[in-house]
Amino acid sequence: MSRVRVHNFSVSIDGFATGEGQSLDAPFGHAGHRLHEWFFPTRTCQQMQGKPDGSTGVDEAIARTWDAGIGAEIMGRNKFGPQRGPWGNHEWNGWWGPNPPFHTPVFVLTRHPRPSVEMEGGTTFHFIDATPQEALRQAREAAGGLDVRIGGGPTTIRQFLAEDLIDHLHIAVVPVVLGRGERLWAGLEGLEKRFQVESVTTPSGVTHMTFTRP
């Protein structure tokens, strides 16, 4: 069976994966870009923006594994956009412009489904009201035998971890203190017992932790 994976998910040293006050101009709230500054210089990130260069160190070696063998993604609505409640209209198609970086089917978890949106480059957003198990069933069917990535945000990843549905989890622990926001680890005491855990700290100051099911 295909695996369920999380990659390049950044968390502050006090456990927050996003800040308070998400808005159109602040996708990560008061955290700004601080959680992702390690990622921006990497070749992987630069190529997502259509640029040919980028760093090739250890951060890049870890970051670039994010899409190998991925056939579908599941994300929460708050990763897709800042809207809450019923959709006022269907004009918003995500933060990423006309050609999002996913290039696979993407299943957006929401209590307010809307018609699917086909984007450039092979990305199609499907908006579903589903449990983690049902969302994973649909994503696996769409992935055609490839792996499924859980893209975030923290609430969505926490839900899948609570249901023991994740096989590989990569967390980038970033040396910043946010003080408030959305915690990743709340309610997941003893999580480490399910996985083999490894970590490496890179020159950027980030500790990359991988949790892999034995």
N, C-alpha and C. Protein backbone atom coordinates (compact mmCIF):
# COMPACT_ATOMS: atom_id res chain seq x y z
N MET A 1 0.84 -1.20 0.00
CA MET A 1 0.00 0.00 0.00
C MET A 1 0.87 1.24 0.00
N SER A 2 0.38 2.30 -0.64
CA SER A 2 1.14 3.55 -0.68
C SER A 2 1.31 4.13 0.72
N ARG A 3 2.36 4.91 0.89
CA ARG A 3 2.65 5.53 2.18
C ARG A 3 2.01 6.91 2.27
N VAL A 4 1.86 7.37 3.50
CA VAL A 4 1.34 8.71 3.78
C VAL A 4 2.47 9.51 4.39
N ARG A 5 2.82 10.65 3.78
CA ARG A 5 4.05 11.37 4.13
C ARG A 5 3.78 12.85 4.40
N VAL A 6 4.61 13.41 5.27
CA VAL A 6 4.66 14.85 5.53
C VAL A 6 6.09 15.31 5.31
N HIS A 7 6.27 16.41 4.60
CA HIS A 7 7.61 16.92 4.31
C HIS A 7 7.70 18.41 4.55
N ASN A 8 8.90 18.84 4.98
CA ASN A 8 9.24 20.27 5.04
C ASN A 8 8.26 21.07 5.90
N PHE A 9 7.77 20.47 6.97
CA PHE A 9 6.79 21.14 7.82
C PHE A 9 7.52 21.81 8.98
N SER A 10 7.47 23.13 9.03
CA SER A 10 8.27 23.90 9.98
C SER A 10 7.51 24.19 11.26
N VAL A 11 8.22 24.08 12.38
CA VAL A 11 7.66 24.31 13.71
C VAL A 11 8.66 25.12 14.52
N SER A 12 8.17 26.07 15.29
CA SER A 12 9.06 26.85 16.16
C SER A 12 9.54 25.98 17.31
N ILE A 13 10.57 26.45 18.02
CA ILE A 13 11.08 25.64 19.13
C ILE A 13 10.09 25.56 20.29
N ASP A 14 9.07 26.44 20.33
CA ASP A 14 8.04 26.30 21.34
C ASP A 14 6.79 25.62 20.77
N GLY A 15 6.92 24.96 19.62
CA GLY A 15 5.90 24.04 19.17
C GLY A 15 4.80 24.57 18.28
N PHE A 16 4.93 25.84 17.83
CA PHE A 16 3.89 26.42 16.99
C PHE A 16 4.24 26.26 15.51
N ALA A 17 3.24 25.86 14.72
CA ALA A 17 3.46 25.66 13.29
C ALA A 17 2.90 26.79 12.46
N THR A 18 2.18 27.72 13.07
CA THR A 18 1.74 28.94 12.42
C THR A 18 1.40 29.94 13.51
N GLY A 19 1.35 31.20 13.14
CA GLY A 19 1.06 32.23 14.12
C GLY A 19 -0.41 32.58 14.17
N GLU A 20 -0.74 33.54 15.01
CA GLU A 20 -2.11 34.04 15.10
C GLU A 20 -2.36 35.10 14.03
N GLY A 21 -3.62 35.21 13.63
CA GLY A 21 -4.01 36.31 12.77
C GLY A 21 -3.79 36.07 11.29
N GLN A 22 -4.08 34.88 10.80
CA GLN A 22 -3.94 34.62 9.37
C GLN A 22 -4.85 35.55 8.57
N SER A 23 -4.33 36.07 7.47
CA SER A 23 -5.11 36.93 6.59
C SER A 23 -4.56 36.80 5.18
N LEU A 24 -5.20 37.47 4.24
CA LEU A 24 -4.75 37.43 2.85
C LEU A 24 -3.31 37.90 2.73
N ASP A 25 -2.94 38.91 3.51
CA ASP A 25 -1.58 39.46 3.45
C ASP A 25 -0.61 38.77 4.39
N ALA A 26 -1.12 37.90 5.26
CA ALA A 26 -0.27 37.21 6.24
C ALA A 26 -0.70 35.76 6.34
N PRO A 27 -0.28 34.90 5.39
CA PRO A 27 -0.71 33.50 5.39
C PRO A 27 -0.37 32.75 6.67
N PHE A 28 0.71 33.17 7.37
CA PHE A 28 1.11 32.50 8.61
C PHE A 28 0.93 33.41 9.82
N GLY A 29 0.04 34.39 9.70
CA GLY A 29 -0.26 35.26 10.82
C GLY A 29 0.96 36.04 11.28
N HIS A 30 1.07 36.26 12.59
CA HIS A 30 2.15 37.08 13.12
C HIS A 30 3.52 36.42 12.95
N ALA A 31 3.56 35.11 12.61
CA ALA A 31 4.84 34.44 12.38
C ALA A 31 5.55 34.96 11.14
N GLY A 32 4.79 35.54 10.21
CA GLY A 32 5.40 36.02 8.98
C GLY A 32 6.10 34.89 8.25
N HIS A 33 7.32 35.15 7.79
CA HIS A 33 8.09 34.15 7.06
C HIS A 33 9.16 33.49 7.92
N ARG A 34 9.12 33.74 9.23
CA ARG A 34 10.23 33.28 10.07
C ARG A 34 10.39 31.76 10.11
N LEU A 35 9.29 31.03 10.00
CA LEU A 35 9.38 29.58 10.06
C LEU A 35 9.96 28.97 8.79
N HIS A 36 10.02 29.73 7.72
CA HIS A 36 10.37 29.14 6.43
C HIS A 36 11.62 29.77 5.80
N GLU A 37 12.31 30.59 6.56
CA GLU A 37 13.50 31.24 6.00
C GLU A 37 14.59 30.23 5.65
N TRP A 38 14.61 29.09 6.30
CA TRP A 38 15.59 28.04 5.96
C TRP A 38 15.32 27.48 4.57
N PHE A 39 14.04 27.45 4.18
CA PHE A 39 13.62 26.80 2.95
C PHE A 39 13.79 27.70 1.72
N PHE A 40 13.60 28.99 1.88
CA PHE A 40 13.59 29.90 0.74
C PHE A 40 14.85 29.84 -0.12
N PRO A 41 16.07 29.75 0.46
CA PRO A 41 17.26 29.74 -0.39
C PRO A 41 17.48 28.42 -1.14
N THR A 42 16.79 27.36 -0.77
CA THR A 42 17.09 26.05 -1.35
C THR A 42 16.73 26.02 -2.84
N ARG A 43 17.41 25.15 -3.55
CA ARG A 43 17.11 25.00 -4.98
C ARG A 43 15.68 24.54 -5.19
N THR A 44 15.18 23.69 -4.30
CA THR A 44 13.80 23.24 -4.41
C THR A 44 12.83 24.40 -4.40
N CYS A 45 13.00 25.31 -3.44
CA CYS A 45 12.11 26.47 -3.35
C CYS A 45 12.28 27.38 -4.55
N GLN A 46 13.51 27.62 -4.95
CA GLN A 46 13.75 28.50 -6.09
C GLN A 46 13.14 27.94 -7.36
N GLN A 47 13.22 26.62 -7.56
CA GLN A 47 12.64 26.01 -8.75
C GLN A 47 11.12 26.10 -8.74
N MET A 48 10.51 26.06 -7.56
CA MET A 48 9.07 26.25 -7.49
C MET A 48 8.64 27.60 -8.04
N GLN A 49 9.56 28.57 -7.95
CA GLN A 49 9.27 29.92 -8.44
C GLN A 49 9.82 30.16 -9.84
N GLY A 50 10.25 29.08 -10.50
CA GLY A 50 10.73 29.19 -11.85
C GLY A 50 12.13 29.74 -11.98
N LYS A 51 12.91 29.69 -10.89
CA LYS A 51 14.27 30.20 -10.91
C LYS A 51 15.26 29.04 -10.96
N PRO A 52 16.37 29.18 -11.67
CA PRO A 52 17.27 28.05 -11.90
C PRO A 52 18.27 27.78 -10.78
N ASP A 53 18.50 28.73 -9.89
CA ASP A 53 19.56 28.61 -8.90
C ASP A 53 19.00 28.18 -7.54
N GLY A 54 19.84 28.30 -6.52
CA GLY A 54 19.44 27.95 -5.17
C GLY A 54 20.52 27.17 -4.48
N SER A 55 20.46 27.11 -3.16
CA SER A 55 21.49 26.43 -2.37
C SER A 55 21.41 24.92 -2.56
N THR A 56 22.55 24.26 -2.34
CA THR A 56 22.63 22.81 -2.56
C THR A 56 23.17 22.08 -1.34
N GLY A 57 23.03 22.66 -0.16
CA GLY A 57 23.54 22.04 1.05
C GLY A 57 22.58 21.01 1.63
N VAL A 58 22.74 20.77 2.93
CA VAL A 58 21.95 19.73 3.59
C VAL A 58 20.47 20.08 3.62
N ASP A 59 20.15 21.37 3.84
CA ASP A 59 18.74 21.76 3.82
C ASP A 59 18.10 21.39 2.49
N GLU A 60 18.80 21.63 1.40
CA GLU A 60 18.28 21.29 0.08
C GLU A 60 18.15 19.78 -0.08
N ALA A 61 19.13 19.03 0.38
CA ALA A 61 19.08 17.57 0.25
C ALA A 61 17.84 17.00 0.93
N ILE A 62 17.46 17.60 2.05
CA ILE A 62 16.27 17.14 2.76
C ILE A 62 15.01 17.68 2.11
N ALA A 63 15.02 18.95 1.73
CA ALA A 63 13.83 19.59 1.17
C ALA A 63 13.37 18.94 -0.12
N ARG A 64 14.31 18.50 -0.94
CA ARG A 64 13.95 18.07 -2.29
C ARG A 64 13.22 16.73 -2.32
N THR A 65 13.15 16.03 -1.19
CA THR A 65 12.44 14.75 -1.17
C THR A 65 10.92 14.91 -1.12
N TRP A 66 10.44 16.14 -1.08
CA TRP A 66 9.03 16.40 -0.80
C TRP A 66 8.08 15.86 -1.86
N ASP A 67 8.52 15.77 -3.13
CA ASP A 67 7.57 15.37 -4.16
C ASP A 67 7.92 14.05 -4.85
N ALA A 68 9.00 13.41 -4.45
CA ALA A 68 9.37 12.13 -5.08
C ALA A 68 8.34 11.06 -4.75
N GLY A 69 7.72 10.51 -5.78
CA GLY A 69 6.77 9.43 -5.58
C GLY A 69 5.42 9.84 -5.04
N ILE A 70 5.09 11.13 -5.08
CA ILE A 70 3.81 11.63 -4.57
C ILE A 70 2.78 11.64 -5.70
N GLY A 71 1.60 11.08 -5.43
CA GLY A 71 0.54 11.06 -6.43
C GLY A 71 -0.66 11.89 -6.09
N ALA A 72 -0.76 12.38 -4.84
CA ALA A 72 -1.88 13.23 -4.42
C ALA A 72 -1.51 13.90 -3.11
N GLU A 73 -2.18 14.99 -2.81
CA GLU A 73 -1.99 15.70 -1.54
C GLU A 73 -3.33 15.92 -0.87
N ILE A 74 -3.29 15.94 0.47
CA ILE A 74 -4.43 16.36 1.28
C ILE A 74 -3.99 17.57 2.09
N MET A 75 -4.80 18.62 2.09
CA MET A 75 -4.49 19.81 2.89
C MET A 75 -5.76 20.31 3.56
N GLY A 76 -5.57 21.07 4.63
CA GLY A 76 -6.69 21.73 5.28
C GLY A 76 -7.07 23.00 4.56
N ARG A 77 -8.27 23.46 4.83
CA ARG A 77 -8.76 24.66 4.17
C ARG A 77 -7.89 25.88 4.48
N ASN A 78 -7.37 25.97 5.69
CA ASN A 78 -6.58 27.15 6.05
C ASN A 78 -5.23 27.18 5.34
N LYS A 79 -4.75 26.02 4.83
CA LYS A 79 -3.58 26.08 3.96
C LYS A 79 -3.97 26.62 2.59
N PHE A 80 -5.18 26.29 2.14
CA PHE A 80 -5.63 26.73 0.82
C PHE A 80 -5.89 28.23 0.79
N GLY A 81 -6.40 28.79 1.90
CA GLY A 81 -6.70 30.22 1.89
C GLY A 81 -7.15 30.71 3.24
N PRO A 82 -7.34 32.03 3.40
CA PRO A 82 -7.68 32.61 4.69
C PRO A 82 -9.18 32.69 4.96
N GLN A 83 -10.01 32.24 4.04
CA GLN A 83 -11.45 32.38 4.20
C GLN A 83 -11.99 31.46 5.29
N ARG A 84 -13.08 31.87 5.91
CA ARG A 84 -13.76 31.06 6.91
C ARG A 84 -15.24 30.97 6.54
N GLY A 85 -15.91 29.89 6.97
CA GLY A 85 -17.34 29.76 6.73
C GLY A 85 -17.66 29.48 5.28
N PRO A 86 -18.92 29.69 4.89
CA PRO A 86 -19.31 29.46 3.49
C PRO A 86 -18.51 30.33 2.55
N TRP A 87 -18.22 29.81 1.36
CA TRP A 87 -17.49 30.57 0.36
C TRP A 87 -18.37 31.71 -0.15
N GLY A 88 -17.88 32.93 -0.08
CA GLY A 88 -18.63 34.05 -0.64
C GLY A 88 -18.73 33.96 -2.15
N ASN A 89 -17.65 33.47 -2.77
CA ASN A 89 -17.62 33.21 -4.20
C ASN A 89 -16.52 32.17 -4.44
N HIS A 90 -16.33 31.81 -5.69
CA HIS A 90 -15.35 30.78 -6.02
C HIS A 90 -14.17 31.37 -6.79
N GLU A 91 -13.90 32.64 -6.57
CA GLU A 91 -12.80 33.29 -7.29
C GLU A 91 -11.44 32.92 -6.72
N TRP A 92 -11.37 32.62 -5.43
CA TRP A 92 -10.08 32.30 -4.80
C TRP A 92 -9.68 30.88 -5.14
N ASN A 93 -8.48 30.72 -5.72
CA ASN A 93 -7.98 29.40 -6.09
C ASN A 93 -6.62 29.10 -5.46
N GLY A 94 -6.38 29.64 -4.25
CA GLY A 94 -5.16 29.33 -3.53
C GLY A 94 -4.12 30.42 -3.63
N TRP A 95 -3.06 30.26 -2.80
CA TRP A 95 -2.01 31.27 -2.70
C TRP A 95 -1.01 31.22 -3.87
N TRP A 96 -1.07 30.19 -4.71
CA TRP A 96 0.07 29.82 -5.55
C TRP A 96 -0.02 30.28 -7.00
N GLY A 97 -1.05 31.03 -7.36
CA GLY A 97 -1.17 31.49 -8.74
C GLY A 97 -1.75 30.42 -9.65
N PRO A 98 -1.70 30.64 -10.97
CA PRO A 98 -2.38 29.73 -11.90
C PRO A 98 -1.72 28.37 -12.05
N ASN A 99 -0.43 28.25 -11.65
CA ASN A 99 0.28 26.97 -11.79
C ASN A 99 0.87 26.57 -10.44
N PRO A 100 0.05 26.00 -9.55
CA PRO A 100 0.54 25.62 -8.22
C PRO A 100 1.62 24.56 -8.32
N PRO A 101 2.45 24.41 -7.27
CA PRO A 101 3.60 23.52 -7.34
C PRO A 101 3.29 22.05 -7.14
N PHE A 102 2.03 21.67 -6.95
CA PHE A 102 1.71 20.30 -6.56
C PHE A 102 1.70 19.33 -7.75
N HIS A 103 1.07 19.72 -8.85
CA HIS A 103 1.04 18.92 -10.09
C HIS A 103 0.41 17.55 -9.87
N THR A 104 -0.52 17.47 -8.95
CA THR A 104 -1.26 16.24 -8.65
C THR A 104 -2.67 16.65 -8.23
N PRO A 105 -3.59 15.70 -8.07
CA PRO A 105 -4.84 16.02 -7.38
C PRO A 105 -4.56 16.46 -5.94
N VAL A 106 -5.28 17.48 -5.48
CA VAL A 106 -5.15 17.98 -4.11
C VAL A 106 -6.55 17.99 -3.49
N PHE A 107 -6.68 17.35 -2.35
CA PHE A 107 -7.96 17.26 -1.66
C PHE A 107 -7.95 18.24 -0.49
N VAL A 108 -8.81 19.24 -0.56
CA VAL A 108 -8.89 20.29 0.45
C VAL A 108 -10.02 19.95 1.40
N LEU A 109 -9.69 19.77 2.69
CA LEU A 109 -10.69 19.43 3.69
C LEU A 109 -11.45 20.68 4.11
N THR A 110 -12.76 20.65 3.96
CA THR A 110 -13.58 21.80 4.31
C THR A 110 -14.99 21.34 4.63
N ARG A 111 -15.65 22.04 5.52
CA ARG A 111 -17.06 21.76 5.79
C ARG A 111 -17.98 22.42 4.77
N HIS A 112 -17.39 23.10 3.82
CA HIS A 112 -18.17 23.80 2.80
C HIS A 112 -17.64 23.42 1.41
N PRO A 113 -17.99 22.22 0.92
CA PRO A 113 -17.50 21.80 -0.39
C PRO A 113 -17.91 22.77 -1.49
N ARG A 114 -17.13 22.79 -2.55
CA ARG A 114 -17.39 23.61 -3.72
C ARG A 114 -16.91 22.84 -4.94
N PRO A 115 -17.23 23.28 -6.14
CA PRO A 115 -16.79 22.54 -7.34
C PRO A 115 -15.27 22.45 -7.42
N SER A 116 -14.80 21.35 -8.00
CA SER A 116 -13.36 21.17 -8.20
C SER A 116 -12.82 22.23 -9.15
N VAL A 117 -11.54 22.55 -8.98
CA VAL A 117 -10.89 23.56 -9.80
C VAL A 117 -9.66 22.95 -10.44
N GLU A 118 -9.61 22.94 -11.76
CA GLU A 118 -8.46 22.42 -12.49
C GLU A 118 -7.52 23.57 -12.82
N MET A 119 -6.27 23.45 -12.40
CA MET A 119 -5.27 24.49 -12.59
C MET A 119 -4.26 24.07 -13.65
N GLU A 120 -3.34 24.95 -13.98
CA GLU A 120 -2.26 24.61 -14.90
C GLU A 120 -1.31 23.61 -14.24
N GLY A 121 -0.61 22.83 -15.06
CA GLY A 121 0.46 21.97 -14.57
C GLY A 121 0.00 20.69 -13.93
N GLY A 122 -1.28 20.34 -14.03
CA GLY A 122 -1.75 19.06 -13.51
C GLY A 122 -2.35 19.10 -12.12
N THR A 123 -2.41 20.27 -11.48
CA THR A 123 -3.04 20.37 -10.16
C THR A 123 -4.55 20.54 -10.32
N THR A 124 -5.31 19.71 -9.62
CA THR A 124 -6.76 19.89 -9.53
C THR A 124 -7.14 19.88 -8.06
N PHE A 125 -7.78 20.95 -7.60
CA PHE A 125 -8.24 21.04 -6.22
C PHE A 125 -9.65 20.45 -6.11
N HIS A 126 -9.81 19.50 -5.19
CA HIS A 126 -11.10 18.92 -4.87
C HIS A 126 -11.46 19.31 -3.44
N PHE A 127 -12.64 19.81 -3.21
CA PHE A 127 -13.04 20.32 -1.90
C PHE A 127 -14.02 19.33 -1.29
N ILE A 128 -13.61 18.69 -0.19
CA ILE A 128 -14.39 17.59 0.36
C ILE A 128 -14.61 17.77 1.86
N ASP A 129 -15.78 17.35 2.30
CA ASP A 129 -16.10 17.27 3.72
C ASP A 129 -15.99 15.81 4.11
N ALA A 130 -14.88 15.43 4.73
CA ALA A 130 -14.59 14.02 4.94
C ALA A 130 -13.74 13.82 6.18
N THR A 131 -13.84 12.64 6.77
CA THR A 131 -12.95 12.24 7.85
C THR A 131 -11.55 12.02 7.28
N PRO A 132 -10.53 11.98 8.14
CA PRO A 132 -9.19 11.65 7.62
C PRO A 132 -9.17 10.33 6.86
N GLN A 133 -9.89 9.33 7.36
CA GLN A 133 -9.88 8.03 6.69
C GLN A 133 -10.50 8.11 5.30
N GLU A 134 -11.63 8.81 5.18
CA GLU A 134 -12.29 8.92 3.88
C GLU A 134 -11.48 9.79 2.92
N ALA A 135 -10.90 10.86 3.44
CA ALA A 135 -10.05 11.70 2.58
C ALA A 135 -8.87 10.90 2.05
N LEU A 136 -8.28 10.07 2.91
CA LEU A 136 -7.14 9.26 2.50
C LEU A 136 -7.58 8.21 1.47
N ARG A 137 -8.76 7.65 1.63
CA ARG A 137 -9.25 6.69 0.64
C ARG A 137 -9.36 7.34 -0.73
N GLN A 138 -9.95 8.54 -0.78
CA GLN A 138 -10.10 9.23 -2.05
C GLN A 138 -8.75 9.62 -2.64
N ALA A 139 -7.84 10.09 -1.79
CA ALA A 139 -6.53 10.51 -2.27
C ALA A 139 -5.74 9.32 -2.81
N ARG A 140 -5.81 8.20 -2.11
CA ARG A 140 -5.10 7.01 -2.59
C ARG A 140 -5.65 6.54 -3.94
N GLU A 141 -6.94 6.61 -4.09
CA GLU A 141 -7.54 6.22 -5.37
C GLU A 141 -7.03 7.12 -6.48
N ALA A 142 -6.96 8.43 -6.20
CA ALA A 142 -6.48 9.38 -7.21
C ALA A 142 -4.98 9.25 -7.46
N ALA A 143 -4.22 8.79 -6.45
CA ALA A 143 -2.76 8.74 -6.56
C ALA A 143 -2.27 7.59 -7.42
N GLY A 144 -3.12 6.63 -7.72
CA GLY A 144 -2.74 5.55 -8.62
C GLY A 144 -1.57 4.71 -8.14
N GLY A 145 -1.53 4.43 -6.84
CA GLY A 145 -0.47 3.60 -6.30
C GLY A 145 0.73 4.36 -5.76
N LEU A 146 0.80 5.66 -6.03
CA LEU A 146 1.88 6.48 -5.48
C LEU A 146 1.52 6.92 -4.07
N ASP A 147 2.47 7.58 -3.39
CA ASP A 147 2.26 8.02 -2.02
C ASP A 147 1.36 9.24 -1.95
N VAL A 148 0.80 9.47 -0.77
CA VAL A 148 -0.05 10.63 -0.50
C VAL A 148 0.67 11.54 0.49
N ARG A 149 0.74 12.82 0.16
CA ARG A 149 1.36 13.80 1.06
C ARG A 149 0.27 14.54 1.83
N ILE A 150 0.47 14.68 3.14
CA ILE A 150 -0.37 15.53 3.97
C ILE A 150 0.34 16.87 4.06
N GLY A 151 -0.24 17.88 3.44
CA GLY A 151 0.47 19.15 3.26
C GLY A 151 0.34 20.13 4.41
N GLY A 152 -0.57 19.91 5.33
CA GLY A 152 -0.77 20.86 6.41
C GLY A 152 -2.16 21.47 6.32
N GLY A 153 -2.45 22.44 7.16
CA GLY A 153 -1.65 22.96 8.23
C GLY A 153 -1.60 22.07 9.45
N PRO A 154 -1.23 22.65 10.60
CA PRO A 154 -1.01 21.86 11.80
C PRO A 154 -2.24 21.08 12.26
N THR A 155 -3.43 21.65 12.12
CA THR A 155 -4.63 20.95 12.56
C THR A 155 -4.84 19.68 11.74
N THR A 156 -4.62 19.78 10.43
CA THR A 156 -4.81 18.62 9.56
C THR A 156 -3.78 17.55 9.87
N ILE A 157 -2.51 17.92 10.01
CA ILE A 157 -1.48 16.93 10.33
C ILE A 157 -1.76 16.30 11.69
N ARG A 158 -2.17 17.09 12.65
CA ARG A 158 -2.47 16.56 13.98
C ARG A 158 -3.62 15.54 13.91
N GLN A 159 -4.63 15.82 13.10
CA GLN A 159 -5.75 14.89 12.95
C GLN A 159 -5.29 13.55 12.38
N PHE A 160 -4.44 13.60 11.37
CA PHE A 160 -3.95 12.37 10.75
C PHE A 160 -3.02 11.61 11.69
N LEU A 161 -2.22 12.33 12.47
CA LEU A 161 -1.38 11.67 13.47
C LEU A 161 -2.23 11.03 14.57
N ALA A 162 -3.26 11.71 15.00
CA ALA A 162 -4.13 11.17 16.05
C ALA A 162 -4.79 9.88 15.61
N GLU A 163 -5.06 9.75 14.30
CA GLU A 163 -5.68 8.55 13.76
C GLU A 163 -4.64 7.52 13.32
N ASP A 164 -3.37 7.80 13.57
CA ASP A 164 -2.26 6.89 13.24
C ASP A 164 -2.24 6.55 11.75
N LEU A 165 -2.36 7.59 10.92
CA LEU A 165 -2.44 7.39 9.47
C LEU A 165 -1.18 7.85 8.74
N ILE A 166 -0.18 8.34 9.46
CA ILE A 166 1.02 8.88 8.82
C ILE A 166 2.18 7.90 8.98
N ASP A 167 2.87 7.64 7.86
CA ASP A 167 3.99 6.71 7.85
C ASP A 167 5.35 7.39 7.94
N HIS A 168 5.44 8.60 7.43
CA HIS A 168 6.72 9.34 7.42
C HIS A 168 6.42 10.81 7.68
N LEU A 169 7.10 11.37 8.68
CA LEU A 169 6.86 12.75 9.10
C LEU A 169 8.19 13.47 9.20
N HIS A 170 8.37 14.53 8.39
CA HIS A 170 9.57 15.36 8.46
C HIS A 170 9.19 16.71 9.04
N ILE A 171 9.78 17.03 10.19
CA ILE A 171 9.55 18.30 10.87
C ILE A 171 10.85 19.09 10.91
N ALA A 172 10.80 20.34 10.48
CA ALA A 172 11.94 21.24 10.57
C ALA A 172 11.73 22.13 11.79
N VAL A 173 12.50 21.89 12.83
CA VAL A 173 12.39 22.69 14.06
C VAL A 173 13.27 23.93 13.90
N VAL A 174 12.63 25.08 13.86
CA VAL A 174 13.30 26.33 13.52
C VAL A 174 13.59 27.11 14.81
N PRO A 175 14.80 27.68 14.97
CA PRO A 175 15.16 28.34 16.22
C PRO A 175 14.55 29.73 16.37
N VAL A 176 13.22 29.78 16.37
CA VAL A 176 12.50 31.00 16.68
C VAL A 176 11.45 30.67 17.73
N VAL A 177 11.07 31.66 18.51
CA VAL A 177 10.01 31.50 19.51
C VAL A 177 8.83 32.35 19.08
N LEU A 178 7.68 31.73 18.84
CA LEU A 178 6.49 32.47 18.40
C LEU A 178 5.60 32.88 19.57
N GLY A 179 5.53 32.04 20.62
CA GLY A 179 4.76 32.42 21.80
C GLY A 179 3.27 32.18 21.70
N ARG A 180 2.73 32.16 20.49
CA ARG A 180 1.29 31.96 20.29
C ARG A 180 1.05 31.51 18.86
N GLY A 181 -0.12 30.93 18.66
CA GLY A 181 -0.46 30.42 17.35
C GLY A 181 -1.08 29.05 17.45
N GLU A 182 -0.88 28.22 16.44
CA GLU A 182 -1.45 26.88 16.39
C GLU A 182 -0.35 25.86 16.66
N ARG A 183 -0.51 25.07 17.74
CA ARG A 183 0.48 24.07 18.10
C ARG A 183 0.31 22.80 17.26
N LEU A 184 1.42 22.16 16.94
CA LEU A 184 1.36 20.89 16.23
C LEU A 184 1.14 19.71 17.16
N TRP A 185 1.82 19.69 18.32
CA TRP A 185 1.91 18.47 19.12
C TRP A 185 0.80 18.30 20.15
N ALA A 186 -0.11 19.24 20.28
CA ALA A 186 -1.14 19.17 21.33
C ALA A 186 -1.93 17.87 21.24
N GLY A 187 -2.02 17.16 22.36
CA GLY A 187 -2.81 15.94 22.43
C GLY A 187 -2.15 14.71 21.85
N LEU A 188 -0.86 14.79 21.53
CA LEU A 188 -0.17 13.67 20.87
C LEU A 188 0.91 13.06 21.76
N GLU A 189 0.68 13.04 23.06
CA GLU A 189 1.66 12.48 24.00
C GLU A 189 2.01 11.04 23.63
N GLY A 190 3.31 10.73 23.64
CA GLY A 190 3.77 9.39 23.34
C GLY A 190 3.87 9.08 21.86
N LEU A 191 3.67 10.08 21.02
CA LEU A 191 3.73 9.88 19.57
C LEU A 191 5.03 9.20 19.13
N GLU A 192 6.15 9.55 19.78
CA GLU A 192 7.45 9.06 19.35
C GLU A 192 7.57 7.54 19.45
N LYS A 193 6.72 6.90 20.25
CA LYS A 193 6.79 5.45 20.42
C LYS A 193 6.37 4.70 19.16
N ARG A 194 5.67 5.36 18.27
CA ARG A 194 5.19 4.70 17.05
C ARG A 194 6.25 4.68 15.94
N PHE A 195 7.29 5.49 16.08
CA PHE A 195 8.19 5.74 14.97
C PHE A 195 9.65 5.51 15.36
N GLN A 196 10.47 5.34 14.33
CA GLN A 196 11.92 5.50 14.48
C GLN A 196 12.21 6.98 14.24
N VAL A 197 12.90 7.60 15.19
CA VAL A 197 13.12 9.04 15.14
C VAL A 197 14.60 9.33 14.92
N GLU A 198 14.90 10.18 13.95
CA GLU A 198 16.26 10.63 13.69
C GLU A 198 16.25 12.15 13.56
N SER A 199 17.41 12.77 13.79
CA SER A 199 17.49 14.21 13.64
C SER A 199 18.88 14.62 13.20
N VAL A 200 18.95 15.76 12.51
CA VAL A 200 20.21 16.35 12.10
C VAL A 200 20.04 17.86 12.12
N THR A 201 21.04 18.56 12.62
CA THR A 201 21.01 20.02 12.65
C THR A 201 21.94 20.54 11.56
N THR A 202 21.44 21.49 10.78
CA THR A 202 22.18 22.00 9.64
C THR A 202 22.76 23.38 9.95
N PRO A 203 23.67 23.88 9.10
CA PRO A 203 24.26 25.20 9.36
C PRO A 203 23.25 26.34 9.46
N SER A 204 22.06 26.17 8.93
CA SER A 204 21.03 27.21 9.05
C SER A 204 20.49 27.31 10.47
N GLY A 205 20.82 26.34 11.32
CA GLY A 205 20.31 26.31 12.69
C GLY A 205 19.05 25.50 12.84
N VAL A 206 18.55 24.92 11.76
CA VAL A 206 17.33 24.13 11.78
C VAL A 206 17.67 22.68 12.13
N THR A 207 16.86 22.08 12.99
CA THR A 207 16.97 20.66 13.28
C THR A 207 15.89 19.92 12.51
N HIS A 208 16.33 19.08 11.58
CA HIS A 208 15.39 18.28 10.80
C HIS A 208 15.15 16.96 11.52
N MET A 209 13.90 16.72 11.88
CA MET A 209 13.52 15.49 12.58
C MET A 209 12.65 14.66 11.64
N THR A 210 12.97 13.37 11.54
CA THR A 210 12.15 12.46 10.76
C THR A 210 11.59 11.37 11.67
N PHE A 211 10.29 11.16 11.53
CA PHE A 211 9.59 10.12 12.25
C PHE A 211 9.12 9.12 11.20
N THR A 212 9.68 7.91 11.21
CA THR A 212 9.38 6.92 10.18
C THR A 212 8.83 5.67 10.82
N ARG A 213 7.72 5.19 10.29
CA ARG A 213 7.12 3.97 10.83
C ARG A 213 8.06 2.79 10.57
N PRO A 214 8.37 1.97 11.59
CA PRO A 214 9.27 0.84 11.42
C PRO A 214 8.74 -0.16 10.38
